[in-house]
Amino acid sequence: MAIRDCTSEYRVLIALQWLTSFLTDRTQQVSFNGTISKLQRLLYGVPQGSVLGPLLFNLYTADIGTIIIIIIYLLKTQLKLTMVM
């Protein structure tokens, strides 16, 4: 079933689950002079070079009024996710 065929509440739930999986359970390691560090779990931040990074930063630093206006706009225009299940 395509996400466009789902209710708006279900689409929001899927988007939140997708965003959560994008931001959680990430690890990193560093290589320097041929030595590789052990894997470290990341607790903060977004993947470097991601498209969502600047958007999430803007939402994080925006005041709550701006965020509410954005959410209302997205709900009003019924933003369609093109992700398929």
C-alpha atoms as a PDB file:
ATOM      1  CA  MET A   1       0.000   0.000   0.000  1.00  0.00           C
ATOM      2  CA  ALA A   2       1.358   3.441  -0.910  1.00  0.00           C
ATOM      3  CA  ILE A   3       1.599   6.060   1.822  1.00  0.00           C
ATOM      4  CA  ARG A   4      -0.595   8.404  -0.242  1.00  0.00           C
ATOM      5  CA  ASP A   5      -3.514   6.012   0.254  1.00  0.00           C
ATOM      6  CA  CYS A   6      -3.314   6.253   4.070  1.00  0.00           C
ATOM      7  CA  THR A   7      -5.057   8.605   6.473  1.00  0.00           C
ATOM      8  CA  SER A   8      -3.254  11.804   7.418  1.00  0.00           C
ATOM      9  CA  GLU A   9      -2.806  10.577  11.016  1.00  0.00           C
ATOM     10  CA  TYR A  10      -1.130   7.408   9.762  1.00  0.00           C
ATOM     11  CA  ARG A  11       1.107   9.431   7.430  1.00  0.00           C
ATOM     12  CA  VAL A  12       2.227  11.591  10.359  1.00  0.00           C
ATOM     13  CA  LEU A  13       2.971   8.458  12.404  1.00  0.00           C
ATOM     14  CA  ILE A  14       5.010   6.956   9.554  1.00  0.00           C
ATOM     15  CA  ALA A  15       6.919  10.242   9.089  1.00  0.00           C
ATOM     16  CA  LEU A  16       7.723  10.406  12.807  1.00  0.00           C
ATOM     17  CA  GLN A  17       8.882   6.786  12.831  1.00  0.00           C
ATOM     18  CA  TRP A  18      11.058   7.434   9.781  1.00  0.00           C
ATOM     19  CA  LEU A  19      12.556  10.573  11.350  1.00  0.00           C
ATOM     20  CA  THR A  20      13.201   8.736  14.622  1.00  0.00           C
ATOM     21  CA  SER A  21      15.001   5.908  12.839  1.00  0.00           C
ATOM     22  CA  PHE A  22      17.049   8.500  10.913  1.00  0.00           C
ATOM     23  CA  LEU A  23      18.258  10.162  14.126  1.00  0.00           C
ATOM     24  CA  THR A  24      18.715   7.223  16.527  1.00  0.00           C
ATOM     25  CA  ASP A  25      21.035   4.238  16.897  1.00  0.00           C
ATOM     26  CA  ARG A  26      23.917   5.809  14.983  1.00  0.00           C
ATOM     27  CA  THR A  27      27.614   5.173  15.535  1.00  0.00           C
ATOM     28  CA  GLN A  28      30.904   6.610  14.342  1.00  0.00           C
ATOM     29  CA  GLN A  29      34.587   5.831  14.391  1.00  0.00           C
ATOM     30  CA  VAL A  30      37.685   7.800  13.474  1.00  0.00           C
ATOM     31  CA  SER A  31      40.689   6.748  11.424  1.00  0.00           C
ATOM     32  CA  PHE A  32      43.952   8.642  12.002  1.00  0.00           C
ATOM     33  CA  ASN A  33      47.426   7.621  10.806  1.00  0.00           C
ATOM     34  CA  GLY A  34      46.253   4.087  10.085  1.00  0.00           C
ATOM     35  CA  THR A  35      44.720   3.617  13.539  1.00  0.00           C
ATOM     36  CA  ILE A  36      40.968   3.135  13.813  1.00  0.00           C
ATOM     37  CA  SER A  37      39.124   4.061  16.978  1.00  0.00           C
ATOM     38  CA  LYS A  38      36.495   1.839  18.519  1.00  0.00           C
ATOM     39  CA  LEU A  39      32.894   2.393  17.485  1.00  0.00           C
ATOM     40  CA  GLN A  40      31.199   5.133  19.524  1.00  0.00           C
ATOM     41  CA  ARG A  41      27.450   5.566  19.872  1.00  0.00           C
ATOM     42  CA  LEU A  42      26.185   9.026  18.867  1.00  0.00           C
ATOM     43  CA  LEU A  43      23.628  10.590  21.182  1.00  0.00           C
ATOM     44  CA  TYR A  44      23.219  13.957  19.439  1.00  0.00           C
ATOM     45  CA  GLY A  45      23.245  15.541  16.002  1.00  0.00           C
ATOM     46  CA  VAL A  46      22.241  14.557  12.510  1.00  0.00           C
ATOM     47  CA  PRO A  47      24.251  12.664   9.890  1.00  0.00           C
ATOM     48  CA  GLN A  48      26.823  14.938   8.260  1.00  0.00           C
ATOM     49  CA  GLY A  49      25.905  15.963   4.737  1.00  0.00           C
ATOM     50  CA  SER A  50      22.268  14.951   5.101  1.00  0.00           C
ATOM     51  CA  VAL A  51      19.546  16.933   3.377  1.00  0.00           C
ATOM     52  CA  LEU A  52      17.519  17.029   6.594  1.00  0.00           C
ATOM     53  CA  GLY A  53      20.368  18.544   8.623  1.00  0.00           C
ATOM     54  CA  PRO A  54      19.733  22.214   7.742  1.00  0.00           C
ATOM     55  CA  LEU A  55      15.952  21.816   8.065  1.00  0.00           C
ATOM     56  CA  LEU A  56      16.243  20.193  11.493  1.00  0.00           C
ATOM     57  CA  PHE A  57      18.697  22.889  12.601  1.00  0.00           C
ATOM     58  CA  ASN A  58      16.284  25.631  11.516  1.00  0.00           C
ATOM     59  CA  LEU A  59      13.418  23.953  13.364  1.00  0.00           C
ATOM     60  CA  TYR A  60      15.588  23.513  16.463  1.00  0.00           C
ATOM     61  CA  THR A  61      16.630  27.172  16.552  1.00  0.00           C
ATOM     62  CA  ALA A  62      13.267  28.639  15.509  1.00  0.00           C
ATOM     63  CA  ASP A  63      10.867  30.029  18.062  1.00  0.00           C
ATOM     64  CA  ILE A  64       7.766  27.971  18.846  1.00  0.00           C
ATOM     65  CA  GLY A  65       5.488  30.414  16.986  1.00  0.00           C
ATOM     66  CA  THR A  66       7.361  29.825  13.738  1.00  0.00           C
ATOM     67  CA  ILE A  67       7.217  26.059  14.204  1.00  0.00           C
ATOM     68  CA  ILE A  68       3.453  26.180  14.807  1.00  0.00           C
ATOM     69  CA  ILE A  69       2.979  28.268  11.655  1.00  0.00           C
ATOM     70  CA  ILE A  70       5.018  25.734   9.645  1.00  0.00           C
ATOM     71  CA  ILE A  71       3.006  22.812  11.033  1.00  0.00           C
ATOM     72  CA  ILE A  72      -0.294  24.556  10.285  1.00  0.00           C
ATOM     73  CA  TYR A  73       0.880  25.317   6.742  1.00  0.00           C
ATOM     74  CA  LEU A  74       1.936  21.707   6.152  1.00  0.00           C
ATOM     75  CA  LEU A  75      -1.334  20.366   7.526  1.00  0.00           C
ATOM     76  CA  LYS A  76      -3.371  22.914   5.584  1.00  0.00           C
ATOM     77  CA  THR A  77      -1.700  22.055   2.298  1.00  0.00           C
ATOM     78  CA  GLN A  78      -1.737  18.329   3.174  1.00  0.00           C
ATOM     79  CA  LEU A  79       1.876  17.732   2.378  1.00  0.00           C
ATOM     80  CA  LYS A  80       2.112  14.472   0.445  1.00  0.00           C
ATOM     81  CA  LEU A  81       4.929  12.113   1.327  1.00  0.00           C
ATOM     82  CA  THR A  82       6.214  10.220  -1.657  1.00  0.00           C
ATOM     83  CA  MET A  83       7.609   7.401   0.454  1.00  0.00           C
ATOM     84  CA  VAL A  84       5.997   4.054  -0.391  1.00  0.00           C
ATOM     85  CA  MET A  85       5.613   1.096   1.903  1.00  0.00           C
END
